[in-house]
Amino acid sequence: METTTDRHDVAIELRSISFTYPGHEHPVFDNLNFSFHGG
């Protein structure tokens, strides 16, 4: 269960980064977001 919580926390952090830095300027963060979304 702890692993699930950690993944959730990471997803939230990535979302925060995504809002701060547009994916166009930081494709790396954008790709990470797609990974979590399942895209």
N, C-alpha and C. Protein backbone atom coordinates (compact mmCIF):
# COMPACT_ATOMS: atom_id res chain seq x y z
N MET A 1 0.84 -1.20 0.00
CA MET A 1 0.00 0.00 0.00
C MET A 1 0.87 1.25 0.00
N GLU A 2 2.02 1.14 0.68
CA GLU A 2 2.90 2.30 0.73
C GLU A 2 3.37 2.69 -0.66
N THR A 3 3.60 1.69 -1.51
CA THR A 3 4.06 1.97 -2.87
C THR A 3 3.01 2.79 -3.62
N THR A 4 1.74 2.42 -3.45
CA THR A 4 0.66 3.15 -4.13
C THR A 4 0.65 4.61 -3.67
N THR A 5 0.82 4.81 -2.37
CA THR A 5 0.82 6.18 -1.83
C THR A 5 1.96 6.97 -2.43
N ASP A 6 3.14 6.34 -2.51
CA ASP A 6 4.31 7.03 -3.06
C ASP A 6 4.03 7.43 -4.50
N ARG A 7 3.49 6.53 -5.27
CA ARG A 7 3.20 6.84 -6.68
C ARG A 7 2.23 8.00 -6.77
N HIS A 8 1.24 8.01 -5.88
CA HIS A 8 0.24 9.08 -5.90
C HIS A 8 0.92 10.42 -5.60
N ASP A 9 1.81 10.42 -4.60
CA ASP A 9 2.52 11.65 -4.25
C ASP A 9 3.35 12.14 -5.43
N VAL A 10 4.03 11.22 -6.09
CA VAL A 10 4.86 11.59 -7.23
C VAL A 10 3.98 12.19 -8.33
N ALA A 11 2.83 11.58 -8.57
CA ALA A 11 1.92 12.08 -9.60
C ALA A 11 1.52 13.52 -9.30
N ILE A 12 1.23 13.79 -8.03
CA ILE A 12 0.84 15.15 -7.63
C ILE A 12 1.99 16.12 -7.90
N GLU A 13 3.22 15.69 -7.57
CA GLU A 13 4.38 16.56 -7.78
C GLU A 13 4.53 16.85 -9.27
N LEU A 14 4.38 15.82 -10.11
CA LEU A 14 4.53 16.01 -11.55
C LEU A 14 3.46 16.97 -12.06
N ARG A 15 2.26 16.86 -11.51
CA ARG A 15 1.18 17.76 -11.93
C ARG A 15 1.54 19.20 -11.58
N SER A 16 2.09 19.39 -10.39
CA SER A 16 2.48 20.75 -9.96
C SER A 16 3.53 21.30 -10.91
N ILE A 17 4.51 20.44 -11.26
CA ILE A 17 5.57 20.86 -12.18
C ILE A 17 4.97 21.19 -13.54
N SER A 18 4.01 20.39 -13.96
CA SER A 18 3.39 20.58 -15.26
C SER A 18 2.72 21.95 -15.32
N PHE A 19 2.04 22.33 -14.25
CA PHE A 19 1.37 23.62 -14.22
C PHE A 19 2.38 24.76 -14.22
N THR A 20 3.51 24.54 -13.52
CA THR A 20 4.52 25.59 -13.43
C THR A 20 5.29 25.72 -14.73
N TYR A 21 5.64 24.58 -15.33
CA TYR A 21 6.41 24.59 -16.58
C TYR A 21 5.62 23.93 -17.69
N PRO A 22 5.17 24.68 -18.69
CA PRO A 22 4.42 24.12 -19.82
C PRO A 22 5.19 22.99 -20.48
N GLY A 23 4.47 21.97 -20.94
CA GLY A 23 5.12 20.83 -21.58
C GLY A 23 5.92 21.23 -22.81
N HIS A 24 5.49 22.32 -23.49
CA HIS A 24 6.20 22.75 -24.69
C HIS A 24 7.63 23.17 -24.37
N GLU A 25 7.80 23.78 -23.19
CA GLU A 25 9.14 24.22 -22.80
C GLU A 25 9.93 23.09 -22.14
N HIS A 26 9.19 22.18 -21.49
CA HIS A 26 9.84 21.05 -20.80
C HIS A 26 9.18 19.74 -21.21
N PRO A 27 9.52 19.22 -22.39
CA PRO A 27 8.91 17.99 -22.90
C PRO A 27 9.16 16.82 -21.97
N VAL A 28 10.24 16.87 -21.19
CA VAL A 28 10.54 15.76 -20.27
C VAL A 28 9.43 15.60 -19.25
N PHE A 29 9.02 16.71 -18.62
CA PHE A 29 7.95 16.66 -17.63
C PHE A 29 6.64 16.26 -18.31
N ASP A 30 6.44 16.75 -19.51
CA ASP A 30 5.21 16.44 -20.24
C ASP A 30 5.13 14.95 -20.49
N ASN A 31 6.26 14.35 -20.89
CA ASN A 31 6.30 12.91 -21.15
C ASN A 31 6.01 12.14 -19.87
N LEU A 32 6.55 12.60 -18.75
CA LEU A 32 6.32 11.93 -17.47
C LEU A 32 4.84 11.96 -17.15
N ASN A 33 4.19 13.09 -17.39
CA ASN A 33 2.77 13.19 -17.12
C ASN A 33 1.99 12.19 -17.98
N PHE A 34 2.35 12.07 -19.24
CA PHE A 34 1.67 11.12 -20.12
C PHE A 34 1.83 9.70 -19.60
N SER A 35 3.01 9.41 -19.05
CA SER A 35 3.27 8.07 -18.51
C SER A 35 2.30 7.75 -17.38
N PHE A 36 2.07 8.74 -16.50
CA PHE A 36 1.16 8.52 -15.38
C PHE A 36 -0.28 8.45 -15.87
N HIS A 37 -0.60 9.21 -16.89
CA HIS A 37 -1.96 9.21 -17.41
C HIS A 37 -2.23 7.95 -18.24
N GLY A 38 -1.17 7.25 -18.62
CA GLY A 38 -1.34 6.03 -19.39
C GLY A 38 -1.32 6.30 -20.88
N GLY A 39 -0.80 7.47 -21.29
CA GLY A 39 -0.76 7.81 -22.70
C GLY A 39 0.57 7.40 -23.24
